[in-house]
Every structure is written in C-alpha cells, then in structure tokens.
Amino acid sequence: MGIPADLLRRRPDVRQAERLLAAQCAQIGVAEAELYPAFSINGYIGVYANELGQLFESDSLYGFVAPFVDWKILNYGRVVNNIRKQDATFQSLAAAYQETVLRAGREAEDGMITFLKARETAEKQQQAVTAAGRSAELVEIQYKEGASDFNRVFVVQQTQVSEQIRLNDSVGGMAKGMTQIYRALGGGWQLRLEELAASGKCCKPVPRVNDGSCDTYIGKQPPAGFDPLCLWPEWLRRWKLR
C-alpha cells in the first residue's frame, strides 16, 4: 500500500506546519533586507493661486521631487539580532514540522498494522467459527440419536457463539484500522462503487436503479434489484469476496 507523501500532505496539521515554516522562512529574508539601504523617491505636485480664477492657469502649477535613502546602519546590532531571532524561530518551526510529519507517518502505519492484523485474525476466526458450527451440527445429530446428552450440546453451542463474537470483534477491528488509515491520510475522498461494479468485484448488476446509485440508499430501504452487498462498506465487501 505504501504511504505516498502527497496523501500525508492532505492532512490539515501537516499543511499548516508546512505553510508556517514557509512563512517564517520569508520573515528571515525580510529581516536580512534591513541590512541594506532602501532607496525611494518622494515628491508631490499641486496647484496654487491667490484667486480662484487663476487656479487652473499654467503658472499656478508647482511640485517637488527628492530622493530618499533609508539605511539602518546605526542599528546594525539590533538588525543582526533580529535576524538571529527569526532564524531561531525558523529552526523551531522546522523541528515542529518534522515532528508533525513523523507523527502522521506513525499514525498511518499504526492504522495499517491494526487493519492487517485484524483481517488476519478475522480470517483465522472465520475458520474457527466454521469448525465450531460443524461441531455443533455433529453434536446435535448425536443428541437426536441418543449418543450424547443435552449438556454437551449446550457447551458446544456456547463455544460456537463465543467464536462468532470473537469474529465480530475482529471485523470491528478491521473497521477501526481502516478508520485510522483514512484519518491519518487526511481523508476527503470517496470510493466510487460504479468502478468496482464495472470490474465485476461487487454489485451485480451495476448498482443503479431508476438513476439512483448505492450511495443514494445508504441508511435507507433499497428498491428491488439492488444487491445487498452494495450497501456494505467497501473494505468489508473486499474481505467478504475474497
């Protein structure tokens, strides 16, 4: 599966840390710019007359233009210290950015491990449930033929229920792991069922009735012609169809 960097960058905390770091890098440049002189030209233009009628004559026009130099040479120490301060802030934000990225990678990997381990456990537990069901069938047959007492039937059926509960817990762990993965990678996307239907992996026929897709009937009663498997979570369909 891997963890592409573009997926991790979808996370709001990673994007926020990255932009804060970039903005602080620009602040270092702003602080360094104060070491050099700044040149500008100031001036003004206007009209002046003793009477209102002479206000728009050519003689009433006047103006002033002069160059301007701003160089904080006398504040050199303060400027250098400000640069050092901005650089120290940048280093702090860089460490925070690295920590954010590492935490995002850790959360994504933890989610994948949780999902894979839960899926492996669910596969083994499914075998245990199948074996427990077969044992229950054999014990019931023995009980009906008088070869076993009901207490043994009760114990075997209790074991069967316990194995089924463990299977449900494993499937719930798969959902928890997948949720952790989606959260760790930023989320914000949708899986289209039409592509899976077209590939023949689920939803036969294609899940569309009267211009409505499976998404339309999530949490509702679907019309006739819908495969109930369509309304299952995508990850659970993949596991069930294996």
C-alpha atoms as a PDB file:
ATOM      1  CA  MET A   1       0.000   0.000   0.000  1.00  0.00           C
ATOM      2  CA  GLY A   2       2.747   2.464   0.903  1.00  0.00           C
ATOM      3  CA  ILE A   3       2.345   5.976   2.278  1.00  0.00           C
ATOM      4  CA  PRO A   4       2.723   8.487  -0.585  1.00  0.00           C
ATOM      5  CA  ALA A   5       3.869  11.887   0.583  1.00  0.00           C
ATOM      6  CA  ASP A   6       1.040  13.557  -1.336  1.00  0.00           C
ATOM      7  CA  LEU A   7      -1.508  11.677   0.792  1.00  0.00           C
ATOM      8  CA  LEU A   8       0.170  12.699   4.028  1.00  0.00           C
ATOM      9  CA  ARG A   9       0.238  16.316   2.853  1.00  0.00           C
ATOM     10  CA  ARG A  10      -3.553  16.229   2.689  1.00  0.00           C
ATOM     11  CA  ARG A  11      -3.602  16.304   6.479  1.00  0.00           C
ATOM     12  CA  PRO A  12      -4.525  19.766   7.795  1.00  0.00           C
ATOM     13  CA  ASP A  13      -1.890  19.661  10.535  1.00  0.00           C
ATOM     14  CA  VAL A  14       0.895  18.818   8.068  1.00  0.00           C
ATOM     15  CA  ARG A  15      -0.198  21.523   5.641  1.00  0.00           C
ATOM     16  CA  GLN A  16      -0.466  24.059   8.448  1.00  0.00           C
ATOM     17  CA  ALA A  17       3.025  23.233   9.757  1.00  0.00           C
ATOM     18  CA  GLU A  18       4.443  23.438   6.236  1.00  0.00           C
ATOM     19  CA  ARG A  19       2.946  26.855   5.491  1.00  0.00           C
ATOM     20  CA  LEU A  20       4.019  28.230   8.873  1.00  0.00           C
ATOM     21  CA  LEU A  21       7.560  27.100   8.110  1.00  0.00           C
ATOM     22  CA  ALA A  22       7.487  28.720   4.666  1.00  0.00           C
ATOM     23  CA  ALA A  23       6.124  31.972   6.079  1.00  0.00           C
ATOM     24  CA  GLN A  24       8.837  32.079   8.734  1.00  0.00           C
ATOM     25  CA  CYS A  25      11.486  31.465   6.056  1.00  0.00           C
ATOM     26  CA  ALA A  26      10.215  34.579   4.294  1.00  0.00           C
ATOM     27  CA  GLN A  27      10.495  36.515   7.550  1.00  0.00           C
ATOM     28  CA  ILE A  28      14.228  35.760   7.636  1.00  0.00           C
ATOM     29  CA  GLY A  29      14.565  37.400   4.233  1.00  0.00           C
ATOM     30  CA  VAL A  30      12.619  40.428   5.443  1.00  0.00           C
ATOM     31  CA  ALA A  31      14.937  40.774   8.441  1.00  0.00           C
ATOM     32  CA  GLU A  32      18.063  40.450   6.267  1.00  0.00           C
ATOM     33  CA  ALA A  33      16.771  43.125   3.896  1.00  0.00           C
ATOM     34  CA  GLU A  34      17.199  45.686   6.688  1.00  0.00           C
ATOM     35  CA  LEU A  35      20.999  45.305   6.379  1.00  0.00           C
ATOM     36  CA  TYR A  36      20.901  47.054   3.011  1.00  0.00           C
ATOM     37  CA  PRO A  37      19.869  50.604   2.132  1.00  0.00           C
ATOM     38  CA  ALA A  38      16.425  51.265   0.733  1.00  0.00           C
ATOM     39  CA  PHE A  39      16.081  53.931  -1.986  1.00  0.00           C
ATOM     40  CA  SER A  40      12.903  55.738  -2.847  1.00  0.00           C
ATOM     41  CA  ILE A  41      11.723  58.956  -4.495  1.00  0.00           C
ATOM     42  CA  ASN A  42       9.308  61.234  -2.696  1.00  0.00           C
ATOM     43  CA  GLY A  43       7.546  64.294  -4.033  1.00  0.00           C
ATOM     44  CA  TYR A  44       4.278  65.998  -4.633  1.00  0.00           C
ATOM     45  CA  ILE A  45       2.553  68.076  -7.269  1.00  0.00           C
ATOM     46  CA  GLY A  46      -0.253  70.604  -6.925  1.00  0.00           C
ATOM     47  CA  VAL A  47      -1.651  73.999  -7.884  1.00  0.00           C
ATOM     48  CA  TYR A  48      -1.546  77.332  -6.038  1.00  0.00           C
ATOM     49  CA  ALA A  49      -3.214  80.674  -6.792  1.00  0.00           C
ATOM     50  CA  ASN A  50      -4.340  83.795  -4.930  1.00  0.00           C
ATOM     51  CA  GLU A  51      -7.651  83.844  -6.769  1.00  0.00           C
ATOM     52  CA  LEU A  52      -9.973  81.058  -7.777  1.00  0.00           C
ATOM     53  CA  GLY A  53      -9.924  82.068 -11.421  1.00  0.00           C
ATOM     54  CA  GLN A  54      -6.127  81.680 -11.607  1.00  0.00           C
ATOM     55  CA  LEU A  55      -6.171  78.217 -10.089  1.00  0.00           C
ATOM     56  CA  PHE A  56      -6.126  76.398 -13.432  1.00  0.00           C
ATOM     57  CA  GLU A  57      -3.532  78.555 -15.163  1.00  0.00           C
ATOM     58  CA  SER A  58      -0.115  77.158 -16.005  1.00  0.00           C
ATOM     59  CA  ASP A  59       1.655  79.487 -13.607  1.00  0.00           C
ATOM     60  CA  SER A  60      -0.237  78.044 -10.643  1.00  0.00           C
ATOM     61  CA  LEU A  61       1.258  74.569 -11.147  1.00  0.00           C
ATOM     62  CA  TYR A  62       4.130  73.608  -8.861  1.00  0.00           C
ATOM     63  CA  GLY A  63       5.756  70.487  -7.475  1.00  0.00           C
ATOM     64  CA  PHE A  64       8.653  68.946  -5.565  1.00  0.00           C
ATOM     65  CA  VAL A  65      10.711  65.761  -6.152  1.00  0.00           C
ATOM     66  CA  ALA A  66      13.557  64.454  -3.971  1.00  0.00           C
ATOM     67  CA  PRO A  67      15.339  61.099  -3.488  1.00  0.00           C
ATOM     68  CA  PHE A  68      15.149  59.325  -0.122  1.00  0.00           C
ATOM     69  CA  VAL A  69      17.597  56.834   1.426  1.00  0.00           C
ATOM     70  CA  ASP A  70      16.819  54.649   4.453  1.00  0.00           C
ATOM     71  CA  TRP A  71      19.754  52.671   5.893  1.00  0.00           C
ATOM     72  CA  LYS A  72      19.683  51.338   9.419  1.00  0.00           C
ATOM     73  CA  ILE A  73      23.483  51.337   9.698  1.00  0.00           C
ATOM     74  CA  LEU A  74      23.377  52.786  13.192  1.00  0.00           C
ATOM     75  CA  ASN A  75      21.076  49.943  14.320  1.00  0.00           C
ATOM     76  CA  TYR A  76      23.289  47.185  12.890  1.00  0.00           C
ATOM     77  CA  GLY A  77      23.371  45.184  16.130  1.00  0.00           C
ATOM     78  CA  ARG A  78      19.600  45.241  16.505  1.00  0.00           C
ATOM     79  CA  VAL A  79      19.134  44.156  12.886  1.00  0.00           C
ATOM     80  CA  VAL A  80      21.569  41.237  13.265  1.00  0.00           C
ATOM     81  CA  ASN A  81      19.915  40.096  16.472  1.00  0.00           C
ATOM     82  CA  ASN A  82      16.523  40.233  14.770  1.00  0.00           C
ATOM     83  CA  ILE A  83      17.890  38.002  12.001  1.00  0.00           C
ATOM     84  CA  ARG A  84      19.132  35.528  14.592  1.00  0.00           C
ATOM     85  CA  LYS A  85      15.761  35.592  16.306  1.00  0.00           C
ATOM     86  CA  GLN A  86      13.901  34.896  13.062  1.00  0.00           C
ATOM     87  CA  ASP A  87      16.321  32.091  12.217  1.00  0.00           C
ATOM     88  CA  ALA A  88      15.849  30.516  15.657  1.00  0.00           C
ATOM     89  CA  THR A  89      12.086  30.668  15.182  1.00  0.00           C
ATOM     90  CA  PHE A  90      12.529  29.033  11.782  1.00  0.00           C
ATOM     91  CA  GLN A  91      14.561  26.188  13.300  1.00  0.00           C
ATOM     92  CA  SER A  92      11.861  25.662  15.933  1.00  0.00           C
ATOM     93  CA  LEU A  93       9.126  25.501  13.301  1.00  0.00           C
ATOM     94  CA  ALA A  94      11.260  23.153  11.194  1.00  0.00           C
ATOM     95  CA  ALA A  95      11.517  20.757  14.134  1.00  0.00           C
ATOM     96  CA  ALA A  96       7.761  21.037  14.693  1.00  0.00           C
ATOM     97  CA  TYR A  97       7.152  20.308  11.000  1.00  0.00           C
ATOM     98  CA  GLN A  98       9.359  17.221  11.114  1.00  0.00           C
ATOM     99  CA  GLU A  99       7.590  16.022  14.246  1.00  0.00           C
ATOM    100  CA  THR A 100       4.213  16.535  12.563  1.00  0.00           C
ATOM    101  CA  VAL A 101       5.266  14.522   9.505  1.00  0.00           C
ATOM    102  CA  LEU A 102       6.710  11.727  11.634  1.00  0.00           C
ATOM    103  CA  ARG A 103       3.545  11.610  13.718  1.00  0.00           C
ATOM    104  CA  ALA A 104       1.422  11.452  10.556  1.00  0.00           C
ATOM    105  CA  GLY A 105       3.513   8.571   9.224  1.00  0.00           C
ATOM    106  CA  ARG A 106       3.309   6.751  12.541  1.00  0.00           C
ATOM    107  CA  GLU A 107      -0.464   7.111  12.718  1.00  0.00           C
ATOM    108  CA  ALA A 108      -0.849   5.856   9.138  1.00  0.00           C
ATOM    109  CA  GLU A 109       1.376   2.845   9.765  1.00  0.00           C
ATOM    110  CA  ASP A 110      -0.390   2.083  13.047  1.00  0.00           C
ATOM    111  CA  GLY A 111      -3.713   2.139  11.224  1.00  0.00           C
ATOM    112  CA  MET A 112      -2.446  -0.226   8.512  1.00  0.00           C
ATOM    113  CA  ILE A 113      -0.985  -2.633  11.056  1.00  0.00           C
ATOM    114  CA  THR A 114      -4.235  -2.585  13.031  1.00  0.00           C
ATOM    115  CA  PHE A 115      -6.235  -3.314   9.879  1.00  0.00           C
ATOM    116  CA  LEU A 116      -3.925  -6.072   8.584  1.00  0.00           C
ATOM    117  CA  LYS A 117      -3.668  -7.818  11.940  1.00  0.00           C
ATOM    118  CA  ALA A 118      -7.428  -7.630  12.427  1.00  0.00           C
ATOM    119  CA  ARG A 119      -8.011  -9.024   8.936  1.00  0.00           C
ATOM    120  CA  GLU A 120      -5.595 -11.879   9.583  1.00  0.00           C
ATOM    121  CA  THR A 121      -7.321 -12.598  12.872  1.00  0.00           C
ATOM    122  CA  ALA A 122     -10.748 -12.452  11.202  1.00  0.00           C
ATOM    123  CA  GLU A 123      -9.670 -14.978   8.571  1.00  0.00           C
ATOM    124  CA  LYS A 124      -8.452 -17.386  11.240  1.00  0.00           C
ATOM    125  CA  GLN A 125     -11.502 -16.732  13.359  1.00  0.00           C
ATOM    126  CA  GLN A 126     -13.781 -17.470  10.405  1.00  0.00           C
ATOM    127  CA  GLN A 127     -12.224 -20.901  10.199  1.00  0.00           C
ATOM    128  CA  ALA A 128     -12.832 -21.353  13.931  1.00  0.00           C
ATOM    129  CA  VAL A 129     -16.479 -20.325  13.517  1.00  0.00           C
ATOM    130  CA  THR A 130     -16.899 -22.791  10.658  1.00  0.00           C
ATOM    131  CA  ALA A 131     -15.336 -25.581  12.705  1.00  0.00           C
ATOM    132  CA  ALA A 132     -17.481 -24.699  15.724  1.00  0.00           C
ATOM    133  CA  GLY A 133     -20.600 -24.764  13.554  1.00  0.00           C
ATOM    134  CA  ARG A 134     -19.671 -28.177  12.203  1.00  0.00           C
ATOM    135  CA  SER A 135     -19.098 -29.451  15.736  1.00  0.00           C
ATOM    136  CA  ALA A 136     -22.488 -28.120  16.799  1.00  0.00           C
ATOM    137  CA  GLU A 137     -24.162 -29.927  13.911  1.00  0.00           C
ATOM    138  CA  LEU A 138     -22.458 -33.231  14.811  1.00  0.00           C
ATOM    139  CA  VAL A 139     -23.348 -32.899  18.498  1.00  0.00           C
ATOM    140  CA  GLU A 140     -26.982 -32.181  17.638  1.00  0.00           C
ATOM    141  CA  ILE A 141     -27.064 -35.300  15.497  1.00  0.00           C
ATOM    142  CA  GLN A 142     -25.570 -37.331  18.357  1.00  0.00           C
ATOM    143  CA  TYR A 143     -28.103 -35.834  20.762  1.00  0.00           C
ATOM    144  CA  LYS A 144     -31.019 -36.702  18.489  1.00  0.00           C
ATOM    145  CA  GLU A 145     -29.739 -40.268  18.195  1.00  0.00           C
ATOM    146  CA  GLY A 146     -29.290 -40.532  21.962  1.00  0.00           C
ATOM    147  CA  ALA A 147     -25.496 -40.805  21.867  1.00  0.00           C
ATOM    148  CA  SER A 148     -24.952 -37.573  23.775  1.00  0.00           C
ATOM    149  CA  ASP A 149     -26.686 -35.587  26.475  1.00  0.00           C
ATOM    150  CA  PHE A 150     -28.022 -32.047  26.116  1.00  0.00           C
ATOM    151  CA  ASN A 151     -25.328 -30.611  28.373  1.00  0.00           C
ATOM    152  CA  ARG A 152     -22.735 -31.363  25.678  1.00  0.00           C
ATOM    153  CA  VAL A 153     -24.958 -29.690  23.077  1.00  0.00           C
ATOM    154  CA  PHE A 154     -25.197 -26.619  25.281  1.00  0.00           C
ATOM    155  CA  VAL A 155     -21.415 -26.417  25.761  1.00  0.00           C
ATOM    156  CA  VAL A 156     -20.693 -26.766  22.042  1.00  0.00           C
ATOM    157  CA  GLN A 157     -23.310 -24.186  21.089  1.00  0.00           C
ATOM    158  CA  GLN A 158     -21.928 -21.819  23.716  1.00  0.00           C
ATOM    159  CA  THR A 159     -18.472 -22.270  22.199  1.00  0.00           C
ATOM    160  CA  GLN A 160     -19.920 -21.555  18.754  1.00  0.00           C
ATOM    161  CA  VAL A 161     -21.454 -18.283  19.961  1.00  0.00           C
ATOM    162  CA  SER A 162     -18.196 -17.280  21.644  1.00  0.00           C
ATOM    163  CA  GLU A 163     -16.270 -17.865  18.417  1.00  0.00           C
ATOM    164  CA  GLN A 164     -18.820 -15.796  16.492  1.00  0.00           C
ATOM    165  CA  ILE A 165     -18.426 -12.940  18.990  1.00  0.00           C
ATOM    166  CA  ARG A 166     -14.660 -13.062  18.542  1.00  0.00           C
ATOM    167  CA  LEU A 167     -15.154 -12.938  14.772  1.00  0.00           C
ATOM    168  CA  ASN A 168     -17.358  -9.869  15.109  1.00  0.00           C
ATOM    169  CA  ASP A 169     -14.720  -8.227  17.279  1.00  0.00           C
ATOM    170  CA  SER A 170     -12.095  -8.920  14.603  1.00  0.00           C
ATOM    171  CA  VAL A 171     -14.278  -7.426  11.883  1.00  0.00           C
ATOM    172  CA  GLY A 172     -14.801  -4.400  14.121  1.00  0.00           C
ATOM    173  CA  GLY A 173     -11.025  -4.141  14.486  1.00  0.00           C
ATOM    174  CA  MET A 174     -10.747  -4.035  10.690  1.00  0.00           C
ATOM    175  CA  ALA A 175     -13.181  -1.126  10.595  1.00  0.00           C
ATOM    176  CA  LYS A 176     -11.243   0.623  13.337  1.00  0.00           C
ATOM    177  CA  GLY A 177      -7.957   0.153  11.482  1.00  0.00           C
ATOM    178  CA  MET A 178      -9.436   1.444   8.216  1.00  0.00           C
ATOM    179  CA  THR A 179     -10.827   4.460  10.030  1.00  0.00           C
ATOM    180  CA  GLN A 180      -7.382   5.156  11.462  1.00  0.00           C
ATOM    181  CA  ILE A 181      -5.875   4.950   7.974  1.00  0.00           C
ATOM    182  CA  TYR A 182      -8.419   7.355   6.477  1.00  0.00           C
ATOM    183  CA  ARG A 183      -7.900   9.762   9.339  1.00  0.00           C
ATOM    184  CA  ALA A 184      -4.097   9.503   9.194  1.00  0.00           C
ATOM    185  CA  LEU A 185      -4.003  10.116   5.443  1.00  0.00           C
ATOM    186  CA  GLY A 186      -6.272  13.163   5.634  1.00  0.00           C
ATOM    187  CA  GLY A 187      -9.483  11.672   4.238  1.00  0.00           C
ATOM    188  CA  GLY A 188     -11.563  13.844   1.960  1.00  0.00           C
ATOM    189  CA  TRP A 189     -12.158  11.393  -0.880  1.00  0.00           C
ATOM    190  CA  GLN A 190     -14.910   8.991  -1.920  1.00  0.00           C
ATOM    191  CA  LEU A 191     -14.687   5.490  -3.310  1.00  0.00           C
ATOM    192  CA  ARG A 192     -16.939   5.079  -6.326  1.00  0.00           C
ATOM    193  CA  LEU A 193     -18.926   1.852  -6.388  1.00  0.00           C
ATOM    194  CA  GLU A 194     -19.505   2.096 -10.134  1.00  0.00           C
ATOM    195  CA  GLU A 195     -15.847   1.302 -10.848  1.00  0.00           C
ATOM    196  CA  LEU A 196     -15.996  -1.805  -8.665  1.00  0.00           C
ATOM    197  CA  ALA A 197     -19.226  -2.866 -10.334  1.00  0.00           C
ATOM    198  CA  ALA A 198     -17.735  -2.434 -13.788  1.00  0.00           C
ATOM    199  CA  SER A 199     -14.778  -4.620 -12.812  1.00  0.00           C
ATOM    200  CA  GLY A 200     -17.113  -7.335 -11.543  1.00  0.00           C
ATOM    201  CA  LYS A 201     -15.771  -7.241  -7.973  1.00  0.00           C
ATOM    202  CA  CYS A 202     -19.106  -6.337  -6.392  1.00  0.00           C
ATOM    203  CA  CYS A 203     -22.597  -5.080  -7.016  1.00  0.00           C
ATOM    204  CA  LYS A 204     -24.007  -7.377  -9.708  1.00  0.00           C
ATOM    205  CA  PRO A 205     -25.729  -6.000 -11.677  1.00  0.00           C
ATOM    206  CA  VAL A 206     -24.323  -2.492 -11.719  1.00  0.00           C
ATOM    207  CA  PRO A 207     -25.844  -0.783  -8.647  1.00  0.00           C
ATOM    208  CA  ARG A 208     -28.111   1.668 -10.394  1.00  0.00           C
ATOM    209  CA  VAL A 209     -31.897   1.575 -10.342  1.00  0.00           C
ATOM    210  CA  ASN A 210     -34.006   4.428 -11.710  1.00  0.00           C
ATOM    211  CA  ASP A 211     -30.952   6.718 -11.951  1.00  0.00           C
ATOM    212  CA  GLY A 212     -30.031   6.030  -8.324  1.00  0.00           C
ATOM    213  CA  SER A 213     -26.746   4.578  -7.101  1.00  0.00           C
ATOM    214  CA  CYS A 214     -25.879   2.684  -3.942  1.00  0.00           C
ATOM    215  CA  ASP A 215     -24.871   5.941  -2.284  1.00  0.00           C
ATOM    216  CA  THR A 216     -28.450   7.159  -2.629  1.00  0.00           C
ATOM    217  CA  TYR A 217     -29.838   4.348  -0.478  1.00  0.00           C
ATOM    218  CA  ILE A 218     -27.249   4.168   2.283  1.00  0.00           C
ATOM    219  CA  GLY A 219     -29.217   4.013   5.536  1.00  0.00           C
ATOM    220  CA  LYS A 220     -32.487   3.577   3.609  1.00  0.00           C
ATOM    221  CA  GLN A 221     -34.517   0.696   2.251  1.00  0.00           C
ATOM    222  CA  PRO A 222     -33.161  -0.025  -1.275  1.00  0.00           C
ATOM    223  CA  PRO A 223     -35.574  -0.826  -4.102  1.00  0.00           C
ATOM    224  CA  ALA A 224     -35.883  -4.183  -5.789  1.00  0.00           C
ATOM    225  CA  GLY A 225     -32.925  -5.097  -7.965  1.00  0.00           C
ATOM    226  CA  PHE A 226     -30.220  -3.956  -5.596  1.00  0.00           C
ATOM    227  CA  ASP A 227     -27.560  -6.388  -4.454  1.00  0.00           C
ATOM    228  CA  PRO A 228     -27.466  -6.011  -0.620  1.00  0.00           C
ATOM    229  CA  LEU A 229     -23.681  -6.363  -0.840  1.00  0.00           C
ATOM    230  CA  CYS A 230     -23.603  -2.929  -2.470  1.00  0.00           C
ATOM    231  CA  LEU A 231     -24.573  -1.269   0.779  1.00  0.00           C
ATOM    232  CA  TRP A 232     -21.772  -2.861   2.746  1.00  0.00           C
ATOM    233  CA  PRO A 233     -18.645  -0.801   3.499  1.00  0.00           C
ATOM    234  CA  GLU A 234     -16.156  -1.089   0.652  1.00  0.00           C
ATOM    235  CA  TRP A 235     -13.418  -2.660   2.781  1.00  0.00           C
ATOM    236  CA  LEU A 236     -15.868  -5.242   4.160  1.00  0.00           C
ATOM    237  CA  ARG A 237     -17.001  -6.178   0.643  1.00  0.00           C
ATOM    238  CA  ARG A 238     -13.408  -6.791  -0.399  1.00  0.00           C
ATOM    239  CA  TRP A 239     -12.832  -9.042   2.617  1.00  0.00           C
ATOM    240  CA  LYS A 240     -16.116 -10.896   2.141  1.00  0.00           C
ATOM    241  CA  LEU A 241     -15.498 -11.512  -1.566  1.00  0.00           C
ATOM    242  CA  ARG A 242     -12.050 -12.985  -1.031  1.00  0.00           C
END
